Amino acid sequence: MTTSFFDRRLLLNLGLTLISSTIILLCIKVAPSIHLPYLIAAAFATGLGFLEPRKGWFLAVVQAALIWIGYVIFAPTPDGTADRDVENFGLYGSMILTFVGSFIGGLLKRTLDRG
């Protein structure tokens, strides 16, 4: 039995991805250091991987793209170079952690389902 890639569950999880991407972007803009965005990105990505163990990679790509697009288009750039560097480090690090967290969440879910 073959099913469509874009099923109802994936579409609902895409909505959660949009919400989590917005929260991560807000953390990148508000936090004075990189720790909070990294923590939030890793937690949300692990949750997305846990929700979609086989299609989590797609949600990770969407989340990373939404974070980057939201930062480039909607977020105002800070005036100081130090603030800009911290935000860029938080942005790109959060994008990388999105892929790592999604992989770990999917692996954890598949392991728990198996045993």
Protein backbone atom coordinates (compact mmCIF):
# COMPACT_ATOMS: atom_id res chain seq x y z
CA MET A 1 0.00 0.00 0.00
CA THR A 2 1.50 3.32 -1.05
CA THR A 3 0.60 6.58 0.59
CA SER A 4 1.14 10.16 -0.44
CA PHE A 5 4.20 11.96 0.91
CA PHE A 6 2.06 14.95 1.92
CA ASP A 7 -0.47 13.29 4.19
CA ARG A 8 -2.63 14.99 6.82
CA ARG A 9 -0.15 14.31 9.61
CA LEU A 10 2.73 15.92 7.71
CA LEU A 11 0.64 18.99 6.93
CA LEU A 12 -0.25 19.39 10.62
CA ASN A 13 3.41 19.04 11.53
CA LEU A 14 4.27 21.68 8.92
CA GLY A 15 2.07 24.04 10.93
CA LEU A 16 4.03 23.18 14.06
CA THR A 17 7.22 23.78 12.09
CA LEU A 18 6.03 27.27 11.18
CA ILE A 19 5.28 28.05 14.83
CA SER A 20 8.59 26.64 16.07
CA SER A 21 10.52 28.54 13.38
CA THR A 22 8.87 31.77 14.50
CA ILE A 23 9.79 31.12 18.12
CA ILE A 24 13.40 30.29 17.19
CA LEU A 25 13.66 33.47 15.12
CA LEU A 26 12.27 35.48 18.02
CA CYS A 27 14.86 33.89 20.34
CA ILE A 28 17.65 34.76 17.90
CA LYS A 29 16.54 38.40 17.85
CA VAL A 30 15.88 38.80 21.59
CA ALA A 31 18.57 36.69 23.29
CA PRO A 32 21.80 38.46 24.19
CA SER A 33 23.83 35.28 23.56
CA ILE A 34 23.61 32.13 21.44
CA HIS A 35 22.62 29.75 24.21
CA LEU A 36 18.85 30.25 24.20
CA PRO A 37 18.41 29.95 20.39
CA TYR A 38 20.56 26.82 20.35
CA LEU A 39 18.60 25.22 23.19
CA ILE A 40 15.23 26.06 21.64
CA ALA A 41 16.29 24.98 18.13
CA ALA A 42 17.64 21.65 19.35
CA ALA A 43 14.53 20.96 21.46
CA PHE A 44 12.05 21.85 18.71
CA ALA A 45 13.98 19.94 16.04
CA THR A 46 14.16 16.86 18.23
CA GLY A 47 10.41 17.12 18.73
CA LEU A 48 9.81 17.41 15.00
CA GLY A 49 12.00 14.38 14.35
CA PHE A 50 10.09 12.49 17.02
CA LEU A 51 6.74 13.44 15.45
CA GLU A 52 7.84 12.45 11.93
CA PRO A 53 10.55 9.77 12.23
CA ARG A 54 10.67 9.07 8.48
CA LYS A 55 9.90 12.54 7.11
CA GLY A 56 11.71 14.56 9.76
CA TRP A 57 14.39 15.53 7.27
CA PHE A 58 11.74 17.38 5.27
CA LEU A 59 10.53 19.25 8.34
CA ALA A 60 14.15 20.12 9.17
CA VAL A 61 14.69 21.56 5.69
CA VAL A 62 11.47 23.57 5.96
CA GLN A 63 12.37 24.84 9.44
CA ALA A 64 15.90 25.85 8.42
CA ALA A 65 14.55 27.62 5.33
CA LEU A 66 11.87 29.43 7.34
CA ILE A 67 14.40 30.57 9.93
CA TRP A 68 16.74 31.90 7.25
CA ILE A 69 14.01 33.54 5.14
CA GLY A 70 12.42 35.07 8.22
CA TYR A 71 15.74 36.48 9.35
CA VAL A 72 16.70 37.87 5.97
CA ILE A 73 13.31 39.33 5.01
CA PHE A 74 11.46 40.22 8.20
CA ALA A 75 14.03 40.78 10.94
CA PRO A 76 15.70 44.18 11.16
CA THR A 77 19.48 44.05 11.14
CA PRO A 78 21.18 45.32 14.30
CA ASP A 79 23.31 48.43 14.16
CA GLY A 80 26.40 47.10 15.94
CA THR A 81 28.73 44.59 14.35
CA ALA A 82 28.99 42.59 17.60
CA ASP A 83 25.19 42.19 17.78
CA ARG A 84 25.07 41.26 14.11
CA ASP A 85 27.79 38.64 14.60
CA VAL A 86 26.01 37.10 17.59
CA GLU A 87 22.74 36.96 15.63
CA ASN A 88 24.41 35.41 12.59
CA PHE A 89 26.15 32.84 14.76
CA GLY A 90 22.84 32.05 16.44
CA LEU A 91 21.05 31.87 13.10
CA TYR A 92 23.40 29.52 11.29
CA GLY A 93 24.07 27.43 14.37
CA SER A 94 20.33 27.00 14.90
CA MET A 95 19.95 25.90 11.30
CA ILE A 96 22.62 23.24 11.78
CA LEU A 97 21.12 22.11 15.08
CA THR A 98 17.78 21.76 13.32
CA PHE A 99 19.16 18.97 11.16
CA VAL A 100 21.01 17.29 14.03
CA GLY A 101 18.02 17.46 16.36
CA SER A 102 15.62 16.13 13.74
CA PHE A 103 17.91 13.19 13.07
CA ILE A 104 18.24 12.40 16.77
CA GLY A 105 14.49 12.71 17.37
CA GLY A 106 13.67 10.41 14.46
CA LEU A 107 16.28 7.89 15.58
CA LEU A 108 14.93 7.96 19.12
CA LYS A 109 11.34 7.44 17.96
CA ARG A 110 12.26 4.55 15.66
CA THR A 111 14.27 2.93 18.47
CA LEU A 112 11.43 3.27 20.95
CA ASP A 113 8.92 1.86 18.44
CA ARG A 114 11.14 -1.13 17.75
CA GLY A 115 11.76 -2.13 21.35
